Amino acid sequence: MYHPWRHARDLGLTIEFVPDLRPRGTYAAGLVQIREGLSQRERRVVLAHEIVHCERGDDGIACTRWHLRKQERTVHLLAARRLLPIEEIIAVQCEPEPSVALWVDDYTLALRMSALDWQERKMLEETEGEDWRIA
């Protein structure tokens, strides 16, 4: 299982919880700010997302809104892949609330499921009791 808190520590990032932060999280120069009041699952997802931004060296500047949305989706998908290896998804496929069992929010699981590669789809299809709707 991927541990974004451990990863942030290993990267030397400082994490700060900020009340009324408009986006769910942000980062700059080794400081990751996360909006106060998020659930534990949301904090985990936000931190993984911001770590990807840090590693990519993103500066938060995009030439158009379309580019910004594309960048954010790409970053979130990379974070989702770290948080949700296919083996862990398969392990919880019979759970009534798989996103809860996987410690992520519903959006992150849905995004990950929509971007499975052919090998992951095959692995999922080969598991017994498979009841997923793959987008």
Protein backbone atom coordinates (compact mmCIF):
# COMPACT_ATOMS: atom_id res chain seq x y z
CA MET A 1 0.00 0.00 0.00
CA TYR A 2 1.22 3.47 -0.93
CA HIS A 3 1.71 5.78 2.05
CA PRO A 4 1.68 9.42 0.92
CA TRP A 5 2.51 10.66 4.43
CA ARG A 6 5.67 8.56 4.46
CA HIS A 7 6.49 9.62 0.91
CA ALA A 8 6.08 13.30 1.85
CA ARG A 9 8.40 12.80 4.81
CA ASP A 10 10.99 11.06 2.61
CA LEU A 11 10.82 13.99 0.18
CA GLY A 12 11.32 16.46 3.03
CA LEU A 13 7.95 18.13 2.51
CA THR A 14 6.27 20.13 5.25
CA ILE A 15 2.52 19.58 5.58
CA GLU A 16 0.31 22.32 6.95
CA PHE A 17 -3.45 22.28 7.52
CA VAL A 18 -5.09 25.59 6.63
CA PRO A 19 -8.64 26.67 7.46
CA ASP A 20 -10.70 27.99 4.54
CA LEU A 21 -8.14 27.08 1.86
CA ARG A 22 -10.15 27.39 -1.38
CA PRO A 23 -8.76 24.40 -3.27
CA ARG A 24 -8.45 21.16 -1.36
CA GLY A 25 -4.65 21.44 -1.37
CA THR A 26 -1.72 23.35 -2.76
CA TYR A 27 2.06 23.31 -2.62
CA ALA A 28 5.04 25.59 -3.10
CA ALA A 29 8.73 25.26 -2.26
CA GLY A 30 8.42 22.12 -0.16
CA LEU A 31 5.30 23.20 1.71
CA VAL A 32 2.06 21.30 1.08
CA GLN A 33 -1.06 22.98 2.36
CA ILE A 34 -4.23 20.96 2.81
CA ARG A 35 -7.61 22.41 3.60
CA GLU A 36 -8.55 21.82 7.20
CA GLY A 37 -11.66 19.72 7.81
CA LEU A 38 -11.20 17.11 5.09
CA SER A 39 -11.79 13.48 5.97
CA GLN A 40 -8.83 11.16 6.44
CA ARG A 41 -9.49 9.60 3.02
CA GLU A 42 -9.66 13.04 1.37
CA ARG A 43 -6.44 14.18 3.07
CA ARG A 44 -4.66 11.05 1.84
CA VAL A 45 -5.81 11.66 -1.74
CA VAL A 46 -4.99 15.38 -1.66
CA LEU A 47 -1.50 14.72 -0.32
CA ALA A 48 -0.80 12.09 -2.99
CA HIS A 49 -2.02 14.57 -5.63
CA GLU A 50 0.17 17.40 -4.34
CA ILE A 51 3.21 15.10 -4.14
CA VAL A 52 2.83 14.42 -7.87
CA HIS A 53 2.73 18.18 -8.52
CA CYS A 54 5.90 18.60 -6.46
CA GLU A 55 7.72 15.81 -8.27
CA ARG A 56 6.72 17.19 -11.67
CA GLY A 57 7.87 20.67 -10.72
CA ASP A 58 4.50 22.13 -11.66
CA ASP A 59 4.34 25.84 -11.01
CA GLY A 60 0.57 26.24 -11.06
CA ILE A 61 0.66 28.26 -14.26
CA ALA A 62 -1.27 27.05 -17.30
CA CYS A 63 -1.82 29.01 -20.48
CA THR A 64 -5.55 28.20 -20.65
CA ARG A 65 -8.24 26.70 -18.42
CA TRP A 66 -8.30 23.68 -20.72
CA HIS A 67 -4.58 23.11 -20.11
CA LEU A 68 -5.06 23.52 -16.36
CA ARG A 69 -7.92 20.97 -16.31
CA LYS A 70 -5.85 18.56 -18.40
CA GLN A 71 -2.84 18.99 -16.07
CA GLU A 72 -4.99 18.46 -12.97
CA ARG A 73 -6.57 15.30 -14.42
CA THR A 74 -3.15 13.93 -15.39
CA VAL A 75 -1.76 14.63 -11.93
CA HIS A 76 -4.78 13.11 -10.22
CA LEU A 77 -4.60 10.00 -12.40
CA LEU A 78 -0.92 9.53 -11.49
CA ALA A 79 -1.83 9.89 -7.81
CA ALA A 80 -4.74 7.44 -8.25
CA ARG A 81 -2.42 4.87 -9.82
CA ARG A 82 -0.11 5.11 -6.81
CA LEU A 83 -2.95 4.91 -4.33
CA LEU A 84 -4.82 2.13 -6.14
CA PRO A 85 -2.71 -0.69 -7.57
CA ILE A 86 -4.89 -3.16 -9.45
CA GLU A 87 -4.18 -5.89 -6.91
CA GLU A 88 -5.69 -3.77 -4.15
CA ILE A 89 -8.71 -2.94 -6.30
CA ILE A 90 -9.26 -6.65 -6.97
CA ALA A 91 -8.93 -7.44 -3.26
CA VAL A 92 -11.89 -5.20 -2.35
CA GLN A 93 -14.15 -5.80 -5.32
CA CYS A 94 -16.81 -7.49 -3.16
CA GLU A 95 -16.82 -4.75 -0.53
CA PRO A 96 -20.03 -2.70 -0.39
CA GLU A 97 -18.02 0.54 -0.41
CA PRO A 98 -14.73 -0.16 -2.20
CA SER A 99 -13.51 3.46 -2.01
CA VAL A 100 -13.82 3.35 1.79
CA ALA A 101 -11.96 0.04 1.95
CA LEU A 102 -9.22 1.51 -0.26
CA TRP A 103 -8.95 4.76 1.75
CA VAL A 104 -9.73 7.05 -1.19
CA ASP A 105 -12.66 9.20 -2.27
CA ASP A 106 -15.21 8.02 -4.83
CA TYR A 107 -13.87 10.33 -7.57
CA THR A 108 -10.35 8.92 -7.30
CA LEU A 109 -11.58 5.33 -7.57
CA ALA A 110 -13.86 6.20 -10.51
CA LEU A 111 -11.01 7.97 -12.31
CA ARG A 112 -8.68 5.03 -11.74
CA MET A 113 -11.29 2.56 -12.99
CA SER A 114 -11.91 4.66 -16.11
CA ALA A 115 -8.20 4.56 -16.99
CA LEU A 116 -7.38 0.88 -16.56
CA ASP A 117 -4.99 -0.45 -19.18
CA TRP A 118 -5.76 -3.65 -21.10
CA GLN A 119 -3.70 -5.81 -18.72
CA GLU A 120 -5.49 -4.43 -15.68
CA ARG A 121 -8.87 -4.93 -17.35
CA LYS A 122 -7.94 -8.52 -18.11
CA MET A 123 -6.84 -9.13 -14.50
CA LEU A 124 -10.11 -7.70 -13.24
CA GLU A 125 -12.18 -9.74 -15.68
CA GLU A 126 -10.38 -12.94 -14.66
CA THR A 127 -11.24 -12.59 -10.99
CA GLU A 128 -14.22 -14.53 -9.74
CA GLY A 129 -17.18 -12.64 -8.42
CA GLU A 130 -16.20 -9.68 -10.54
CA ASP A 131 -18.96 -7.13 -10.36
CA TRP A 132 -17.28 -3.98 -11.62
CA ARG A 133 -18.61 -1.65 -14.23
CA ILE A 134 -15.51 -0.54 -16.08
CA ALA A 135 -15.94 2.84 -17.76
